[in-house]
Amino acid sequence: MRLLSTTLIALSSVICLETFLIVCLLGKKANKHDERMTIRSGRERRASHARVVAHGDIFLPIYTKLSKKSLKSLCEKRVKTRSDEQVNKRKNTSRSERPNSGCAQITSILRPSIVASRLNKVGGVIRQGDRWFLSEYAMGYGIFEYANSSMLKHSRPSRVHWLQMTPHFDGTDNAVCEHEFFFYSSSSQHLYAMRLEAPSGIRSISLKRTPKPSIYAHSHSLVDLESEGGYLWVLYRANTFLHVTKIQCSTMLIVRQWTLRRVHPKGVVNAFVACGFLYTITQRSDVNVLSIVFDFEHSVYMEPPREIGRWECRATPSSVHYDPLSKTINVFDAGLIYTIVTKQIE
């Protein structure tokens, strides 16, 4: 009996000892887990703080001693930093929305310089740097390309582009954008894009809203096509107002549209778009008057419309286009082809 009791006591002691060891081991594991969680939490807090600090926030210990003067200086410095960031952001946005880095408002113009002349009194001229494109009369199936102004003057085209499998173009205000000739045909009420480089191809979109009256006073065009920065500007009359559609040249998708109720095309002889601004040409007595009237980027009218300059009136210009490469206005006026150098805001 005494032997059995002794055995039970020994066995109980062993069990208690094993239980104690297990509890100790579990406790150590729990402590290590807590330590790891604490370290991980601390790392996450530091990373979070680093992300916030990266955005410019300031962290100080709770019991930091700062004088009123130091605190004021710290706050003023922070406000100035945020203001500078906002200004820079606005500047970057403004640059990205303009067609190109050298784009600005036209402030004045020089006297016209005659480049060439033609027997036909009606025609259209487009300039792209040194290259010139000429269309004769108010309708046709071909456009002449000249490598430079000398070849234009002596009527020596470097290439002739013929419209194939399309109706003839209508009007004198056609456009060239990204190696494509854009024109409008009233018979199909479509806007066409014909590739000038091989392989040639034709694309088109419907412009069924285009009305029948000529766009300007004494104009030969139903629509006025202007191009710059990879976009095509389609101007035409909507009732008594001017309607403008901005189209991406590469896709022929409509980007945006405006109805300018303060611009009445019947009082205008021609117009063009340059650097996101609309300019109109009106006639007073014996002069053509160039004015800036609308800012497309901000969708605001120039109040009042500001006169940029004027030049001698020969007749009613049948074609007026702006070339962003040479920064010139190029005109076909009663058989005379002349260019006008512009000055812009620096």
Protein backbone atom coordinates (compact mmCIF):
# COMPACT_ATOMS: atom_id res chain seq x y z
CA MET A 1 0.00 0.00 0.00
CA ARG A 2 2.85 2.35 0.90
CA LEU A 3 4.56 1.47 -2.39
CA LEU A 4 1.44 2.34 -4.41
CA SER A 5 1.09 5.70 -2.66
CA THR A 6 4.72 6.55 -3.33
CA THR A 7 4.32 5.66 -7.01
CA LEU A 8 1.25 7.88 -7.38
CA ILE A 9 3.00 10.83 -5.75
CA ALA A 10 6.00 10.47 -8.08
CA LEU A 11 3.77 10.20 -11.11
CA SER A 12 1.85 13.34 -10.09
CA SER A 13 5.09 15.24 -9.68
CA VAL A 14 6.22 14.27 -13.16
CA ILE A 15 2.89 15.38 -14.67
CA CYS A 16 3.04 18.73 -12.86
CA LEU A 17 6.61 19.27 -14.02
CA GLU A 18 5.70 18.52 -17.66
CA THR A 19 2.70 20.86 -17.44
CA PHE A 20 4.91 23.62 -16.06
CA LEU A 21 7.44 23.16 -18.85
CA ILE A 22 4.72 23.26 -21.52
CA VAL A 23 3.27 26.45 -20.06
CA CYS A 24 6.72 28.05 -20.02
CA LEU A 25 7.36 27.14 -23.63
CA LEU A 26 3.97 28.47 -24.72
CA GLY A 27 4.60 31.66 -22.82
CA LYS A 28 7.94 32.19 -24.56
CA LYS A 29 6.32 31.64 -27.97
CA ALA A 30 3.58 34.11 -27.11
CA ASN A 31 6.15 36.67 -26.03
CA LYS A 32 8.12 36.20 -29.24
CA HIS A 33 4.90 36.56 -31.27
CA ASP A 34 4.03 39.74 -29.39
CA GLU A 35 7.51 41.08 -30.01
CA ARG A 36 7.24 40.31 -33.72
CA MET A 37 3.82 41.97 -33.90
CA THR A 38 5.16 44.98 -32.04
CA ILE A 39 8.12 45.26 -34.41
CA ARG A 40 5.85 44.82 -37.44
CA SER A 41 3.40 47.40 -36.12
CA GLY A 42 6.24 49.80 -35.53
CA ARG A 43 7.55 49.28 -39.06
CA GLU A 44 4.09 49.85 -40.51
CA ARG A 45 3.70 53.05 -38.50
CA ARG A 46 7.08 54.27 -39.69
CA ALA A 47 6.23 53.41 -43.30
CA SER A 48 2.88 55.16 -42.94
CA HIS A 49 4.59 58.19 -41.46
CA ALA A 50 7.14 58.13 -44.26
CA ARG A 51 4.36 58.15 -46.84
CA VAL A 52 2.68 61.09 -45.15
CA VAL A 53 5.95 62.92 -44.72
CA ALA A 54 6.62 62.34 -48.43
CA HIS A 55 3.51 64.45 -49.09
CA GLY A 56 5.02 67.27 -47.07
CA ASP A 57 3.39 66.97 -43.61
CA ILE A 58 5.46 67.81 -40.54
CA PHE A 59 5.71 65.59 -37.42
CA LEU A 60 7.08 66.77 -34.07
CA PRO A 61 7.32 65.10 -30.66
CA ILE A 62 4.43 65.89 -28.31
CA TYR A 63 6.54 67.89 -25.85
CA THR A 64 8.57 69.82 -28.44
CA LYS A 65 9.26 73.36 -27.26
CA LEU A 66 8.68 75.97 -29.95
CA SER A 67 8.52 79.72 -29.58
CA LYS A 68 5.70 81.64 -31.23
CA LYS A 69 8.18 83.14 -33.67
CA SER A 70 9.55 79.71 -34.69
CA LEU A 71 6.05 78.25 -35.04
CA LYS A 72 4.95 81.20 -37.20
CA SER A 73 8.03 80.84 -39.42
CA LEU A 74 7.43 77.10 -39.80
CA CYS A 75 3.79 77.61 -40.80
CA GLU A 76 4.59 80.39 -43.27
CA LYS A 77 7.24 78.24 -44.93
CA ARG A 78 4.77 75.35 -45.27
CA VAL A 79 2.06 77.57 -46.78
CA LYS A 80 4.54 78.97 -49.33
CA THR A 81 5.66 75.45 -50.30
CA ARG A 82 2.08 74.31 -50.94
CA SER A 83 1.34 77.48 -52.92
CA ASP A 84 4.38 76.89 -55.12
CA GLU A 85 3.29 73.28 -55.70
CA GLN A 86 -0.18 74.42 -56.79
CA VAL A 87 1.25 77.08 -59.12
CA ASN A 88 3.61 74.55 -60.72
CA LYS A 89 0.74 72.11 -61.15
CA ARG A 90 -1.34 74.76 -62.91
CA LYS A 91 1.58 75.69 -65.14
CA ASN A 92 2.16 72.07 -66.17
CA THR A 93 -1.54 71.61 -66.93
CA SER A 94 -1.62 74.77 -69.01
CA ARG A 95 1.39 73.69 -71.07
CA SER A 96 -0.10 70.27 -71.77
CA GLU A 97 -3.40 71.68 -73.02
CA ARG A 98 -1.86 73.99 -75.62
CA PRO A 99 -1.12 72.49 -79.05
CA ASN A 100 2.67 72.92 -78.72
CA SER A 101 5.27 74.51 -76.48
CA GLY A 102 5.76 77.55 -78.75
CA CYS A 103 2.08 78.43 -78.87
CA ALA A 104 0.72 81.79 -77.67
CA GLN A 105 -1.70 84.56 -78.54
CA ILE A 106 -1.00 86.69 -81.58
CA THR A 107 -0.32 90.25 -80.46
CA SER A 108 0.45 91.97 -83.76
CA ILE A 109 1.11 91.36 -87.45
CA LEU A 110 3.57 92.65 -90.04
CA ARG A 111 2.71 93.87 -93.53
CA PRO A 112 1.70 91.18 -96.06
CA SER A 113 4.43 89.78 -98.29
CA ILE A 114 3.33 88.57 -101.74
CA VAL A 115 4.54 85.05 -102.53
CA ALA A 116 2.83 84.23 -105.83
CA SER A 117 -0.10 85.04 -108.09
CA ARG A 118 -2.59 83.06 -110.15
CA LEU A 119 -5.01 83.91 -112.96
CA ASN A 120 -7.96 82.35 -111.15
CA LYS A 121 -9.48 84.77 -108.63
CA VAL A 122 -10.85 82.02 -106.37
CA GLY A 123 -8.70 79.38 -104.70
CA GLY A 124 -7.30 78.05 -101.46
CA VAL A 125 -3.78 77.94 -100.06
CA ILE A 126 -2.32 75.99 -97.12
CA ARG A 127 1.19 76.29 -95.73
CA GLN A 128 3.19 73.79 -93.64
CA GLY A 129 6.61 75.23 -92.98
CA ASP A 130 8.35 75.29 -96.38
CA ARG A 131 5.65 73.26 -98.13
CA TRP A 132 2.60 74.79 -99.78
CA PHE A 133 -0.67 73.23 -100.95
CA LEU A 134 -2.86 74.95 -103.52
CA SER A 135 -6.40 74.22 -104.67
CA GLU A 136 -7.85 76.07 -107.65
CA TYR A 137 -11.40 77.37 -107.79
CA ALA A 138 -14.15 76.48 -105.31
CA MET A 139 -14.43 72.84 -106.30
CA GLY A 140 -12.19 70.21 -107.82
CA TYR A 141 -10.54 66.81 -107.74
CA GLY A 142 -6.88 67.72 -107.24
CA ILE A 143 -4.52 69.63 -104.99
CA PHE A 144 -1.06 70.88 -105.97
CA GLU A 145 1.89 70.51 -103.60
CA TYR A 146 4.96 72.76 -103.76
CA ALA A 147 8.21 72.03 -101.93
CA ASN A 148 8.95 75.72 -101.28
CA SER A 149 7.75 79.26 -101.98
CA SER A 150 9.99 79.61 -105.06
CA MET A 151 8.32 76.63 -106.74
CA LEU A 152 4.93 78.08 -105.79
CA LYS A 153 5.89 81.43 -107.32
CA HIS A 154 6.95 79.82 -110.62
CA SER A 155 4.04 77.35 -110.59
CA ARG A 156 6.21 74.23 -110.52
CA PRO A 157 4.39 71.67 -108.36
CA SER A 158 6.46 68.90 -106.84
CA ARG A 159 3.42 66.64 -106.65
CA VAL A 160 -0.23 66.61 -107.66
CA HIS A 161 -2.68 64.73 -105.44
CA TRP A 162 -5.87 63.53 -107.14
CA LEU A 163 -9.05 62.56 -105.35
CA GLN A 164 -9.88 58.94 -106.12
CA MET A 165 -13.14 57.14 -105.40
CA THR A 166 -14.53 60.23 -103.64
CA PRO A 167 -16.75 63.15 -104.62
CA HIS A 168 -15.06 66.45 -105.47
CA PHE A 169 -14.20 68.88 -102.70
CA ASP A 170 -16.41 71.91 -102.14
CA GLY A 171 -15.03 75.23 -101.00
CA THR A 172 -11.66 76.90 -100.63
CA ASP A 173 -11.07 76.35 -96.91
CA ASN A 174 -9.60 72.84 -96.88
CA ALA A 175 -6.86 71.64 -94.51
CA VAL A 176 -3.79 69.40 -94.25
CA CYS A 177 -3.21 67.54 -90.99
CA GLU A 178 -0.70 64.77 -90.26
CA HIS A 179 0.03 63.93 -93.94
CA GLU A 180 -3.66 63.90 -94.87
CA PHE A 181 -5.73 66.28 -96.97
CA PHE A 182 -9.08 67.06 -95.33
CA PHE A 183 -11.99 68.34 -97.40
CA TYR A 184 -15.78 68.55 -97.33
CA SER A 185 -18.16 67.39 -100.04
CA SER A 186 -21.70 68.77 -100.07
CA SER A 187 -23.06 66.00 -102.32
CA SER A 188 -22.45 63.34 -99.65
CA GLN A 189 -22.37 65.68 -96.62
CA HIS A 190 -19.19 63.95 -95.49
CA LEU A 191 -15.83 65.12 -94.26
CA TYR A 192 -13.03 63.21 -96.02
CA ALA A 193 -9.39 62.56 -95.19
CA MET A 194 -7.12 61.53 -98.08
CA ARG A 195 -3.62 60.34 -97.27
CA LEU A 196 -0.95 62.28 -99.16
CA GLU A 197 1.81 59.73 -98.69
CA ALA A 198 1.83 56.20 -100.14
CA PRO A 199 -0.04 53.99 -99.57
CA SER A 200 -2.96 56.31 -100.14
CA GLY A 201 -6.24 55.77 -98.33
CA ILE A 202 -9.58 57.47 -97.73
CA ARG A 203 -11.51 57.96 -94.49
CA SER A 204 -14.72 59.89 -93.90
CA ILE A 205 -17.30 60.88 -91.30
CA SER A 206 -20.78 62.31 -91.73
CA LEU A 207 -21.44 66.02 -91.23
CA LYS A 208 -25.17 65.98 -91.86
CA ARG A 209 -25.77 68.93 -89.55
CA THR A 210 -23.87 71.18 -91.92
CA PRO A 211 -26.31 73.78 -93.32
CA LYS A 212 -26.47 74.91 -96.92
CA PRO A 213 -25.65 78.65 -96.60
CA SER A 214 -22.05 79.67 -97.15
CA ILE A 215 -20.21 80.04 -93.88
CA TYR A 216 -19.00 83.65 -94.31
CA ALA A 217 -20.07 86.73 -96.20
CA HIS A 218 -19.16 86.26 -99.90
CA SER A 219 -17.54 82.91 -99.05
CA HIS A 220 -17.25 79.95 -101.43
CA SER A 221 -17.18 77.40 -98.57
CA LEU A 222 -19.87 75.68 -96.55
CA VAL A 223 -17.33 74.72 -93.89
CA ASP A 224 -13.97 76.14 -92.88
CA LEU A 225 -11.34 73.54 -91.96
CA GLU A 226 -8.37 74.55 -89.80
CA SER A 227 -5.67 72.28 -88.38
CA GLU A 228 -3.00 72.48 -85.67
CA GLY A 229 -1.38 70.18 -83.15
CA GLY A 230 -2.93 66.99 -84.54
CA TYR A 231 -6.48 68.34 -84.40
CA LEU A 232 -8.91 69.53 -87.05
CA TRP A 233 -11.23 72.46 -86.36
CA VAL A 234 -14.48 72.36 -88.36
CA LEU A 235 -16.23 75.73 -88.52
CA TYR A 236 -19.67 76.17 -90.06
CA ARG A 237 -22.82 78.21 -89.68
CA ALA A 238 -25.54 76.96 -87.31
CA ASN A 239 -28.56 79.19 -87.91
CA THR A 240 -27.04 82.64 -87.46
CA PHE A 241 -24.25 81.51 -85.13
CA LEU A 242 -20.85 79.92 -85.62
CA HIS A 243 -20.56 76.25 -84.69
CA VAL A 244 -17.11 74.74 -84.06
CA THR A 245 -16.24 71.04 -83.82
CA LYS A 246 -12.80 69.84 -82.73
CA ILE A 247 -11.80 66.49 -84.27
CA GLN A 248 -8.70 64.38 -83.69
CA CYS A 249 -6.99 63.96 -87.06
CA SER A 250 -5.64 60.44 -86.47
CA THR A 251 -8.99 58.93 -85.43
CA MET A 252 -11.54 61.41 -86.84
CA LEU A 253 -13.31 61.28 -83.48
CA ILE A 254 -15.08 64.37 -82.16
CA VAL A 255 -13.28 65.77 -79.13
CA ARG A 256 -15.46 68.76 -78.29
CA GLN A 257 -18.04 71.15 -79.77
CA TRP A 258 -18.98 74.79 -79.27
CA THR A 259 -21.84 77.00 -80.48
CA LEU A 260 -20.63 80.60 -80.41
CA ARG A 261 -23.79 82.70 -80.16
CA ARG A 262 -21.85 85.95 -80.07
CA VAL A 263 -20.06 85.27 -83.34
CA HIS A 264 -22.19 85.91 -86.43
CA PRO A 265 -20.55 84.49 -89.57
CA LYS A 266 -22.48 86.73 -91.96
CA GLY A 267 -20.53 89.71 -90.59
CA VAL A 268 -17.19 87.93 -91.08
CA VAL A 269 -15.29 87.39 -94.35
CA ASN A 270 -13.02 84.63 -92.99
CA ALA A 271 -11.60 83.13 -89.79
CA PHE A 272 -8.94 80.78 -88.48
CA VAL A 273 -7.86 78.99 -85.30
CA ALA A 274 -4.36 79.45 -83.90
CA CYS A 275 -3.07 78.03 -80.60
CA GLY A 276 -6.59 77.41 -79.34
CA PHE A 277 -7.88 80.92 -80.11
CA LEU A 278 -10.43 81.96 -82.72
CA TYR A 279 -9.50 84.91 -84.94
CA THR A 280 -11.90 86.60 -87.36
CA ILE A 281 -11.31 88.82 -90.39
CA THR A 282 -13.82 91.58 -91.05
CA GLN A 283 -13.74 94.35 -93.64
CA ARG A 284 -14.01 98.07 -92.92
CA SER A 285 -13.84 100.41 -95.88
CA ASP A 286 -10.65 99.42 -97.68
CA VAL A 287 -8.94 97.34 -94.95
CA ASN A 288 -9.12 93.81 -93.55
CA VAL A 289 -9.28 93.79 -89.74
CA LEU A 290 -7.93 90.85 -87.71
CA SER A 291 -9.45 90.34 -84.24
CA ILE A 292 -9.22 87.70 -81.51
CA VAL A 293 -12.69 86.72 -80.28
CA PHE A 294 -12.71 83.39 -78.40
CA ASP A 295 -10.49 81.21 -76.19
CA PHE A 296 -11.34 77.53 -76.76
CA GLU A 297 -9.18 76.23 -73.91
CA HIS A 298 -11.19 78.12 -71.29
CA SER A 299 -14.41 78.48 -73.37
CA VAL A 300 -14.57 82.24 -72.85
CA TYR A 301 -15.13 85.18 -75.16
CA MET A 302 -12.55 87.93 -75.41
CA GLU A 303 -14.35 90.91 -73.91
CA PRO A 304 -14.31 93.02 -75.91
CA PRO A 305 -12.91 91.39 -79.06
CA ARG A 306 -9.41 92.81 -79.44
CA GLU A 307 -8.10 94.08 -82.75
CA ILE A 308 -4.72 92.53 -83.60
CA GLY A 309 -3.96 94.40 -86.81
CA ARG A 310 -5.16 95.37 -90.27
CA TRP A 311 -3.95 95.32 -93.86
CA GLU A 312 -5.04 96.70 -97.21
CA CYS A 313 -8.15 95.15 -98.70
CA ARG A 314 -7.81 93.93 -102.29
CA ALA A 315 -11.00 91.86 -102.49
CA THR A 316 -12.69 89.28 -100.27
CA PRO A 317 -10.11 86.64 -99.23
CA SER A 318 -11.32 83.21 -100.31
CA SER A 319 -8.87 81.37 -98.03
CA VAL A 320 -7.12 82.34 -94.76
CA HIS A 321 -5.09 79.79 -92.76
CA TYR A 322 -2.57 79.93 -89.94
CA ASP A 323 0.63 77.88 -90.12
CA PRO A 324 2.01 77.00 -86.65
CA LEU A 325 5.39 75.96 -88.09
CA SER A 326 6.26 79.31 -89.64
CA LYS A 327 3.85 81.26 -87.39
CA THR A 328 2.38 83.02 -90.40
CA ILE A 329 -1.08 83.77 -91.74
CA ASN A 330 -1.39 82.72 -95.39
CA VAL A 331 -4.04 84.17 -97.68
CA PHE A 332 -5.46 83.58 -101.16
CA ASP A 333 -6.96 86.93 -102.15
CA ALA A 334 -8.30 87.51 -105.67
CA GLY A 335 -5.45 85.58 -107.30
CA LEU A 336 -2.74 86.91 -104.98
CA ILE A 337 -1.07 84.56 -102.50
CA TYR A 338 0.56 86.40 -99.63
CA THR A 339 1.88 85.62 -96.17
CA ILE A 340 1.67 87.68 -92.97
CA VAL A 341 4.24 87.23 -90.21
CA THR A 342 2.77 87.26 -86.70
CA LYS A 343 4.20 88.34 -83.38
CA GLN A 344 3.13 86.44 -80.27
CA ILE A 345 3.24 86.80 -76.50
CA GLU A 346 6.69 85.70 -75.34
